[in-house]
Amino acid sequence: MAKTKHPSTWAKVRKFFNDIHLWTGLISGLVIIAVCLSGTIYVYNSEIREWSNRELHSVNDPGTSRKAADELYNIIKDADLGTVTSISIPTDLNRSVQVNVRAEGDKSRFGTSYYLNPYSGEILGNSKEATRTDEFMGYMFSLHRWLLLDRIEEPLIGELPNRQLGSYISGTATILFTIGVLTGLVIWFPQKLKTWRQGLKVKWNANWKRLNYDLHNTFAFYSLIFLLIMGATGPFWSFPWYRDGWQKLWGTYQEAPANPGPRGGGPGPRGGGPGSMAAGEAPADVPLLPLDTYIAAAETVLPYKGDYRIGIPNQPNGKVTINKNRTGFFAPSAGDRVDLDIATAAVQELDIFREKPVNERISRSIKALHVGDVYGQFTKLLYFFACLIATSLPITGTLIWINKMKKKDKNKKGTKKRNKVAV
């Protein structure tokens, strides 16, 4: 009598992870397709918006010098469009200068951006002039973050805001997707190491079922690290507990102050404490130096080619904050910051990103890690293909499952038929 062949331990482990992989994929599949498809497009959000608004962002270099930063600043200031909060000066001579303004009563997060021709001083337009492309990208962002539920006014579940509901759904689906990626790696890992290379190839000349199987497994393996990064960072914007856990993991968590006081500072007036002005005494309004003076001061501590963003202080005796970002195909997205004394342009504080501990750099780069803007266009291109693969995984995975179900059903029918013949 033949001995019954029992499944090996590896086969049992593989089946356990295969079941988890299957059900996490089936449950989250439709949401992941929507989230990843919109994410694939949104990787190039800035480039798409700028391409559709070329008249705002691009200028022709006439071969003459650009106007001084102060001249451009005063053009917007004299136009009485609101309070100037910052001015961005690109290193690319064919790009416009951006001046951010906050008008009285404007409650939007960033205010309004005005774009100027740095050679003529002409105001080219502003960020409030939305195009169809801007509207489309807005829908893509809404689909990615909230599954478009924020577009519905009436709450769908009790008093839970639809935006929060959509965020919970997309966040949960992302967690399930990450579990699916990890279990998929276990399933992919060959029982015999000598056959591991077979899992790295796609048989393009095979039948469609085998081709679909290879596309699902091989492409997922090659994009594994990016899928895990996107999946691990995504829930950061969905769940407060996840956000707190992320910060605690990297040792950057800080308790919110019990009494935050006025916006932008701790208890009491911003910059208060020893040496501050006495109660009721108005500080002297220190005028700005020429903006080029601050740029020159920043150049001494940040001596590399890059784009500048100059923050204009909105209070007397404030500080001028300059952010500088490197440019280029492999340029890191994280920039450096220098705080300057408004009266003397002396350096008060210097914040160099690459000099920070690794845990702080990772924690601060959460958005860049999620959208692929880590090392410029290089990582954006990698994320674009990885996100496109992620969009396809629920589809190819479902086809694999359907084909297996059909094969099982066919085998059952064949077994029944053979039993009848034997009888």
Protein backbone atom coordinates (compact mmCIF):
# COMPACT_ATOMS: atom_id res chain seq x y z
CA MET A 1 0.00 0.00 0.00
CA ALA A 2 1.43 3.37 -1.09
CA LYS A 3 2.23 5.85 1.64
CA THR A 4 0.28 9.08 1.77
CA LYS A 5 2.49 11.99 0.79
CA HIS A 6 2.23 14.78 3.36
CA PRO A 7 2.98 18.39 2.36
CA SER A 8 6.36 19.71 3.47
CA THR A 9 6.73 22.44 6.09
CA TRP A 10 7.65 24.91 3.32
CA ALA A 11 4.50 24.01 1.42
CA LYS A 12 2.38 24.66 4.52
CA VAL A 13 4.09 28.00 5.17
CA ARG A 14 3.73 28.99 1.55
CA LYS A 15 0.03 28.13 1.52
CA PHE A 16 -0.54 30.18 4.70
CA PHE A 17 1.11 33.25 3.20
CA ASN A 18 -0.60 32.61 -0.12
CA ASP A 19 -4.01 32.77 1.59
CA ILE A 20 -3.10 36.07 3.28
CA HIS A 21 -1.76 37.40 -0.02
CA LEU A 22 -4.93 36.39 -1.83
CA TRP A 23 -7.44 37.91 0.57
CA THR A 24 -5.57 41.15 1.22
CA GLY A 25 -5.40 41.58 -2.54
CA LEU A 26 -9.07 40.79 -3.17
CA ILE A 27 -10.27 43.06 -0.34
CA SER A 28 -8.14 46.07 -1.26
CA GLY A 29 -7.92 45.52 -5.02
CA LEU A 30 -10.36 48.11 -6.38
CA VAL A 31 -9.20 50.81 -3.96
CA ILE A 32 -5.54 50.12 -4.75
CA ILE A 33 -6.19 50.43 -8.49
CA ALA A 34 -7.76 53.87 -7.95
CA VAL A 35 -5.09 55.01 -5.48
CA CYS A 36 -2.13 53.77 -7.51
CA LEU A 37 -3.43 54.94 -10.89
CA SER A 38 -3.97 58.46 -9.56
CA GLY A 39 -0.62 58.22 -7.78
CA THR A 40 1.12 57.26 -11.04
CA ILE A 41 -0.19 60.42 -12.67
CA TYR A 42 0.46 62.57 -9.60
CA VAL A 43 4.16 61.67 -9.54
CA TYR A 44 4.55 64.35 -12.21
CA ASN A 45 2.03 66.76 -10.70
CA SER A 46 4.34 69.80 -10.79
CA GLU A 47 5.61 69.05 -14.28
CA ILE A 48 2.11 68.53 -15.70
CA ARG A 49 0.77 71.72 -14.14
CA GLU A 50 3.75 73.76 -15.33
CA TRP A 51 3.55 72.28 -18.82
CA SER A 52 -0.11 73.31 -19.11
CA ASN A 53 0.73 76.80 -17.75
CA ARG A 54 3.92 77.43 -19.67
CA GLU A 55 3.10 81.12 -20.04
CA LEU A 56 3.40 81.49 -16.24
CA HIS A 57 6.52 79.46 -15.60
CA SER A 58 8.66 79.91 -18.71
CA VAL A 59 10.36 83.02 -20.08
CA ASN A 60 12.85 83.61 -22.87
CA ASP A 61 16.31 84.61 -21.75
CA PRO A 62 17.04 87.81 -23.74
CA GLY A 63 20.72 87.65 -22.86
CA THR A 64 20.49 90.55 -20.42
CA SER A 65 20.75 90.53 -16.64
CA ARG A 66 17.71 89.79 -14.53
CA LYS A 67 16.26 92.55 -12.44
CA ALA A 68 17.37 92.72 -8.84
CA ALA A 69 15.25 90.79 -6.37
CA ASP A 70 14.23 94.07 -4.72
CA GLU A 71 12.82 95.43 -7.96
CA LEU A 72 10.65 92.37 -8.45
CA TYR A 73 9.60 92.43 -4.80
CA ASN A 74 8.58 96.10 -5.06
CA ILE A 75 6.57 95.52 -8.24
CA ILE A 76 4.20 93.24 -6.33
CA LYS A 77 4.34 95.33 -3.16
CA ASP A 78 3.49 98.54 -5.02
CA ALA A 79 0.62 96.81 -6.81
CA ASP A 80 -1.06 96.55 -3.39
CA LEU A 81 -2.00 92.89 -3.89
CA GLY A 82 -1.48 91.96 -0.25
CA THR A 83 1.37 91.19 2.12
CA VAL A 84 4.39 89.63 0.41
CA THR A 85 5.41 86.51 2.34
CA SER A 86 8.17 85.09 0.14
CA ILE A 87 9.92 85.34 -3.19
CA SER A 88 11.34 82.35 -5.10
CA ILE A 89 14.25 82.90 -7.47
CA PRO A 90 15.19 79.96 -9.73
CA THR A 91 18.70 79.32 -10.94
CA ASP A 92 17.30 78.49 -14.41
CA LEU A 93 17.45 81.70 -16.46
CA ASN A 94 14.41 80.60 -18.50
CA ARG A 95 12.05 80.40 -15.55
CA SER A 96 9.87 83.05 -13.98
CA VAL A 97 10.23 84.43 -10.47
CA GLN A 98 7.44 83.53 -8.02
CA VAL A 99 6.22 85.96 -5.38
CA ASN A 100 3.80 84.66 -2.73
CA VAL A 101 1.22 87.10 -1.38
CA ARG A 102 -1.40 86.83 1.31
CA ALA A 103 -4.31 89.24 0.90
CA GLU A 104 -6.34 90.40 3.87
CA GLY A 105 -9.03 87.83 4.69
CA ASP A 106 -7.36 85.11 2.59
CA LYS A 107 -7.70 81.89 4.59
CA SER A 108 -6.07 79.59 2.03
CA ARG A 109 -2.98 77.72 3.16
CA PHE A 110 -0.46 79.30 0.79
CA GLY A 111 -2.13 82.52 -0.33
CA THR A 112 -1.63 83.55 -3.96
CA SER A 113 1.48 83.14 -6.09
CA TYR A 114 2.28 85.79 -8.70
CA TYR A 115 4.69 84.99 -11.53
CA LEU A 116 6.98 87.67 -12.91
CA ASN A 117 9.22 87.91 -15.92
CA PRO A 118 12.59 88.55 -14.22
CA TYR A 119 13.84 90.57 -17.21
CA SER A 120 10.91 92.89 -17.89
CA GLY A 121 9.17 92.81 -14.52
CA GLU A 122 5.87 91.93 -16.21
CA ILE A 123 3.32 90.11 -14.05
CA LEU A 124 2.56 86.98 -16.07
CA GLY A 125 -0.39 85.75 -13.98
CA ASN A 126 -1.19 84.12 -10.66
CA SER A 127 -1.95 80.73 -9.15
CA LYS A 128 -5.67 81.46 -8.73
CA GLU A 129 -6.15 81.33 -12.50
CA ALA A 130 -6.90 77.62 -12.58
CA THR A 131 -6.86 75.71 -15.86
CA ARG A 132 -8.58 72.46 -16.78
CA THR A 133 -5.30 70.70 -16.11
CA ASP A 134 -5.22 72.15 -12.59
CA GLU A 135 -8.78 70.92 -12.03
CA PHE A 136 -7.89 67.47 -13.37
CA MET A 137 -4.84 67.20 -11.10
CA GLY A 138 -7.04 68.32 -8.22
CA TYR A 139 -9.34 65.40 -8.96
CA MET A 140 -6.34 63.05 -9.11
CA PHE A 141 -5.18 64.23 -5.69
CA SER A 142 -8.70 63.85 -4.29
CA LEU A 143 -8.96 60.34 -5.75
CA HIS A 144 -5.58 59.38 -4.33
CA ARG A 145 -6.18 60.71 -0.82
CA TRP A 146 -9.94 60.52 -0.29
CA LEU A 147 -11.35 58.44 -3.21
CA LEU A 148 -13.27 61.58 -4.30
CA LEU A 149 -15.47 61.29 -1.20
CA ASP A 150 -14.48 64.82 -0.19
CA ARG A 151 -16.49 66.01 -3.21
CA ILE A 152 -19.68 64.75 -1.55
CA GLU A 153 -21.11 67.27 0.93
CA GLU A 154 -23.51 65.14 2.97
CA PRO A 155 -21.78 62.63 5.32
CA LEU A 156 -22.27 59.04 4.18
CA ILE A 157 -21.76 57.48 7.63
CA GLY A 158 -23.19 59.30 10.64
CA GLU A 159 -21.34 62.52 11.36
CA LEU A 160 -18.00 61.24 10.03
CA PRO A 161 -16.72 63.73 7.41
CA ASN A 162 -16.49 62.14 3.98
CA ARG A 163 -12.90 63.31 3.60
CA GLN A 164 -11.95 61.43 6.77
CA LEU A 165 -13.92 58.38 5.63
CA GLY A 166 -12.10 58.33 2.31
CA SER A 167 -8.78 58.73 4.11
CA TYR A 168 -9.58 55.77 6.38
CA ILE A 169 -10.51 53.57 3.42
CA SER A 170 -7.44 54.45 1.35
CA GLY A 171 -5.17 54.11 4.39
CA THR A 172 -6.55 50.68 5.29
CA ALA A 173 -6.25 49.50 1.70
CA THR A 174 -2.63 50.70 1.63
CA ILE A 175 -1.80 48.74 4.78
CA LEU A 176 -3.38 45.61 3.25
CA PHE A 177 -1.40 46.26 0.06
CA THR A 178 1.85 46.42 2.04
CA ILE A 179 1.01 43.12 3.73
CA GLY A 180 0.30 41.71 0.29
CA VAL A 181 3.71 42.83 -0.98
CA LEU A 182 5.51 41.20 1.96
CA THR A 183 3.59 37.92 1.69
CA GLY A 184 4.11 37.99 -2.06
CA LEU A 185 7.85 38.02 -1.49
CA VAL A 186 7.56 34.87 0.64
CA ILE A 187 5.46 33.18 -2.06
CA TRP A 188 7.90 34.22 -4.78
CA PHE A 189 10.94 32.88 -2.90
CA PRO A 190 11.80 29.53 -4.50
CA GLN A 191 11.92 26.32 -2.49
CA LYS A 192 15.10 25.36 -4.31
CA LEU A 193 17.58 28.24 -4.49
CA LYS A 194 19.03 26.93 -7.74
CA THR A 195 15.78 27.89 -9.49
CA TRP A 196 15.66 31.50 -8.21
CA ARG A 197 16.61 32.96 -11.58
CA GLN A 198 13.39 31.66 -13.09
CA GLY A 199 11.50 34.16 -10.95
CA LEU A 200 13.43 37.06 -12.46
CA LYS A 201 12.44 36.42 -16.07
CA VAL A 202 9.30 37.08 -18.11
CA LYS A 203 8.53 34.50 -20.83
CA TRP A 204 7.20 36.89 -23.44
CA ASN A 205 6.50 34.10 -25.93
CA ALA A 206 4.43 32.03 -23.48
CA ASN A 207 0.63 31.77 -23.50
CA TRP A 208 -1.32 34.64 -21.94
CA LYS A 209 -1.84 32.85 -18.62
CA ARG A 210 1.88 32.27 -18.10
CA LEU A 211 2.68 35.77 -19.34
CA ASN A 212 0.19 37.27 -16.86
CA TYR A 213 1.72 35.16 -14.08
CA ASP A 214 5.25 36.35 -14.92
CA LEU A 215 4.17 39.98 -15.17
CA HIS A 216 2.60 39.81 -11.72
CA ASN A 217 5.51 38.11 -9.98
CA THR A 218 8.56 39.42 -11.81
CA PHE A 219 7.52 43.06 -12.09
CA ALA A 220 6.45 43.08 -8.44
CA PHE A 221 9.85 41.73 -7.42
CA TYR A 222 11.80 44.35 -9.38
CA SER A 223 9.72 47.19 -7.91
CA LEU A 224 9.58 45.64 -4.42
CA ILE A 225 11.58 48.27 -2.53
CA PHE A 226 9.55 51.14 -4.01
CA LEU A 227 6.25 49.39 -3.36
CA LEU A 228 7.21 48.88 0.27
CA ILE A 229 8.27 52.53 0.70
CA MET A 230 5.07 53.84 -0.87
CA GLY A 231 2.97 51.41 1.16
CA ALA A 232 4.74 52.12 4.44
CA THR A 233 4.53 55.91 4.10
CA GLY A 234 0.99 56.19 2.68
CA PRO A 235 -1.02 55.70 5.93
CA PHE A 236 0.93 58.60 7.49
CA TRP A 237 -1.78 60.97 6.22
CA SER A 238 -4.69 58.67 7.09
CA PHE A 239 -4.28 57.75 10.75
CA PRO A 240 -2.95 59.89 13.63
CA TRP A 241 -1.79 56.75 15.45
CA TYR A 242 0.24 55.74 12.40
CA ARG A 243 1.75 59.22 12.12
CA ASP A 244 2.70 59.23 15.80
CA GLY A 245 4.12 55.72 15.49
CA TRP A 246 6.23 56.74 12.49
CA GLN A 247 7.70 59.69 14.37
CA LYS A 248 8.33 57.60 17.48
CA LEU A 249 10.02 54.94 15.36
CA TRP A 250 12.55 57.48 14.11
CA GLY A 251 12.82 59.28 17.45
CA THR A 252 11.39 62.59 16.20
CA TYR A 253 8.04 62.57 18.00
CA GLN A 254 7.11 65.66 19.98
CA GLU A 255 4.09 66.15 22.17
CA ALA A 256 1.82 69.00 21.11
CA PRO A 257 1.99 71.87 23.63
CA ALA A 258 -0.93 72.05 26.06
CA ASN A 259 -1.23 75.81 25.50
CA PRO A 260 0.17 76.61 22.08
CA GLY A 261 -0.51 80.33 22.41
CA PRO A 262 -0.54 82.42 19.23
CA ARG A 263 -0.09 80.60 15.95
CA GLY A 264 3.50 79.92 15.05
CA GLY A 265 4.99 79.98 18.54
CA GLY A 266 4.79 78.73 22.10
CA PRO A 267 2.95 80.42 24.96
CA GLY A 268 2.98 84.18 24.73
CA PRO A 269 4.34 86.36 21.92
CA ARG A 270 6.63 84.75 19.39
CA GLY A 271 10.23 85.43 20.30
CA GLY A 272 9.34 86.38 23.89
CA GLY A 273 11.35 85.54 26.97
CA PRO A 274 14.44 87.16 28.42
CA GLY A 275 15.48 90.22 26.52
CA SER A 276 12.12 90.73 24.82
CA MET A 277 10.27 94.06 24.78
CA ALA A 278 8.40 95.07 27.92
CA ALA A 279 4.61 94.76 27.94
CA GLY A 280 2.98 97.58 26.00
CA GLU A 281 6.24 98.71 24.37
CA ALA A 282 6.13 98.57 20.58
CA PRO A 283 9.34 97.27 18.98
CA ALA A 284 11.02 99.42 16.37
CA ASP A 285 10.20 98.48 12.80
CA VAL A 286 13.54 97.46 11.31
CA PRO A 287 13.47 97.93 7.53
CA LEU A 288 14.57 95.22 5.14
CA LEU A 289 17.99 95.42 3.61
CA PRO A 290 18.20 94.90 -0.15
CA LEU A 291 17.19 91.26 -0.77
CA ASP A 292 20.39 90.66 -2.73
CA THR A 293 22.28 91.39 0.51
CA TYR A 294 20.55 88.46 2.20
CA ILE A 295 21.19 86.25 -0.83
CA ALA A 296 24.89 87.14 -0.74
CA ALA A 297 24.99 86.29 2.97
CA ALA A 298 23.34 82.93 2.28
CA GLU A 299 25.88 82.23 -0.48
CA THR A 300 28.70 82.37 2.05
CA VAL A 301 27.31 79.41 4.01
CA LEU A 302 25.48 77.63 1.17
CA PRO A 303 28.04 77.93 -1.65
CA TYR A 304 26.42 75.82 -4.34
CA LYS A 305 24.16 76.39 -7.32
CA GLY A 306 20.47 76.17 -6.46
CA ASP A 307 17.03 77.75 -6.25
CA TYR A 308 16.31 80.33 -3.54
CA ARG A 309 13.17 80.97 -1.55
CA ILE A 310 13.37 84.09 0.61
CA GLY A 311 10.86 84.28 3.47
CA ILE A 312 9.87 87.85 4.28
CA PRO A 313 9.27 88.43 8.02
CA ASN A 314 5.74 89.55 8.86
CA GLN A 315 6.62 91.22 12.15
CA PRO A 316 9.13 93.80 13.44
CA ASN A 317 12.54 92.45 14.38
CA GLY A 318 11.76 89.19 12.63
CA LYS A 319 14.31 87.13 10.80
CA VAL A 320 14.78 86.57 7.09
CA THR A 321 14.64 82.85 6.28
CA ILE A 322 16.27 81.59 3.10
CA ASN A 323 15.72 78.06 1.79
CA LYS A 324 18.01 76.75 -0.92
CA ASN A 325 17.55 73.62 -3.04
CA ARG A 326 19.98 71.98 -5.38
CA THR A 327 18.90 71.45 -8.99
CA GLY A 328 19.58 68.73 -11.54
CA PHE A 329 18.45 65.24 -12.56
CA PHE A 330 19.84 63.62 -9.38
CA ALA A 331 19.34 66.63 -7.09
CA PRO A 332 17.97 65.79 -3.61
CA SER A 333 14.59 67.31 -2.83
CA ALA A 334 15.52 68.23 0.73
CA GLY A 335 16.96 71.72 0.94
CA ASP A 336 19.00 73.70 3.42
CA ARG A 337 17.90 76.69 5.47
CA VAL A 338 19.62 79.73 6.88
CA ASP A 339 18.11 82.34 9.21
CA LEU A 340 19.50 85.86 8.88
CA ASP A 341 19.27 88.91 11.08
CA ILE A 342 16.95 91.40 9.40
CA ALA A 343 19.10 94.40 10.28
CA THR A 344 22.59 93.08 9.56
CA ALA A 345 22.09 89.91 7.43
CA ALA A 346 24.26 88.07 9.95
CA VAL A 347 23.72 84.32 10.12
CA GLN A 348 21.64 83.40 13.17
CA GLU A 349 20.97 79.74 12.47
CA LEU A 350 22.08 77.27 9.82
CA ASP A 351 20.19 74.07 9.04
CA ILE A 352 22.06 71.70 6.66
CA PHE A 353 19.93 68.69 5.80
CA ARG A 354 22.75 66.26 5.02
CA GLU A 355 24.42 66.99 8.37
CA LYS A 356 21.38 65.83 10.35
CA PRO A 357 21.23 62.33 11.88
CA VAL A 358 19.85 59.63 9.59
CA ASN A 359 16.70 59.19 11.66
CA GLU A 360 15.81 62.89 11.35
CA ARG A 361 16.48 62.89 7.61
CA ILE A 362 14.19 59.92 7.07
CA SER A 363 11.45 61.31 9.29
CA ARG A 364 11.55 64.71 7.60
CA SER A 365 11.50 63.15 4.14
CA ILE A 366 8.16 61.37 4.57
CA LYS A 367 6.46 63.19 1.69
CA ALA A 368 9.47 62.92 -0.63
CA LEU A 369 9.72 59.19 0.13
CA HIS A 370 6.03 58.71 -0.67
CA VAL A 371 5.82 60.64 -3.94
CA GLY A 372 9.30 59.77 -5.22
CA ASP A 373 10.75 63.27 -5.03
CA VAL A 374 13.88 62.10 -3.21
CA TYR A 375 16.60 62.59 -5.82
CA GLY A 376 14.95 64.70 -8.47
CA GLN A 377 13.79 63.34 -11.80
CA PHE A 378 15.76 60.14 -11.33
CA THR A 379 13.63 58.80 -8.46
CA LYS A 380 10.47 60.28 -9.96
CA LEU A 381 10.98 58.14 -13.04
CA LEU A 382 11.54 55.03 -10.90
CA TYR A 383 8.42 55.77 -8.84
CA PHE A 384 6.35 56.35 -11.97
CA PHE A 385 7.06 52.82 -13.24
CA ALA A 386 6.75 51.29 -9.76
CA CYS A 387 3.37 52.93 -9.21
CA LEU A 388 2.24 51.81 -12.67
CA ILE A 389 3.21 48.25 -11.74
CA ALA A 390 1.34 48.61 -8.44
CA THR A 391 -1.77 49.61 -10.40
CA SER A 392 -1.53 46.42 -12.46
CA LEU A 393 -0.94 44.01 -9.56
CA PRO A 394 -4.59 43.69 -8.41
CA ILE A 395 -5.60 43.04 -12.02
CA THR A 396 -2.95 40.44 -12.84
CA GLY A 397 -3.36 38.87 -9.40
CA THR A 398 -7.13 38.50 -9.82
CA LEU A 399 -6.60 36.86 -13.22
CA ILE A 400 -4.17 34.38 -11.62
CA TRP A 401 -6.78 33.54 -8.96
CA ILE A 402 -9.55 33.10 -11.54
CA ASN A 403 -7.36 30.83 -13.64
CA LYS A 404 -6.55 28.70 -10.57
CA MET A 405 -10.25 28.42 -9.70
CA LYS A 406 -11.02 27.30 -13.24
CA LYS A 407 -8.22 24.76 -13.12
CA LYS A 408 -9.46 23.35 -9.80
CA ASP A 409 -13.00 23.13 -11.11
CA LYS A 410 -11.77 21.38 -14.23
CA ASN A 411 -9.74 18.89 -12.18
CA LYS A 412 -12.76 18.13 -9.97
CA LYS A 413 -14.91 17.43 -13.00
CA GLY A 414 -12.17 15.22 -14.45
CA THR A 415 -11.90 13.25 -11.20
CA LYS A 416 -15.67 12.70 -11.06
CA LYS A 417 -15.68 11.55 -14.66
CA ARG A 418 -12.85 9.04 -14.06
CA ASN A 419 -14.63 7.68 -10.96
CA LYS A 420 -17.79 7.07 -12.96
CA VAL A 421 -15.83 5.24 -15.64
CA ALA A 422 -14.08 3.10 -13.01
CA VAL A 423 -17.45 2.14 -11.51
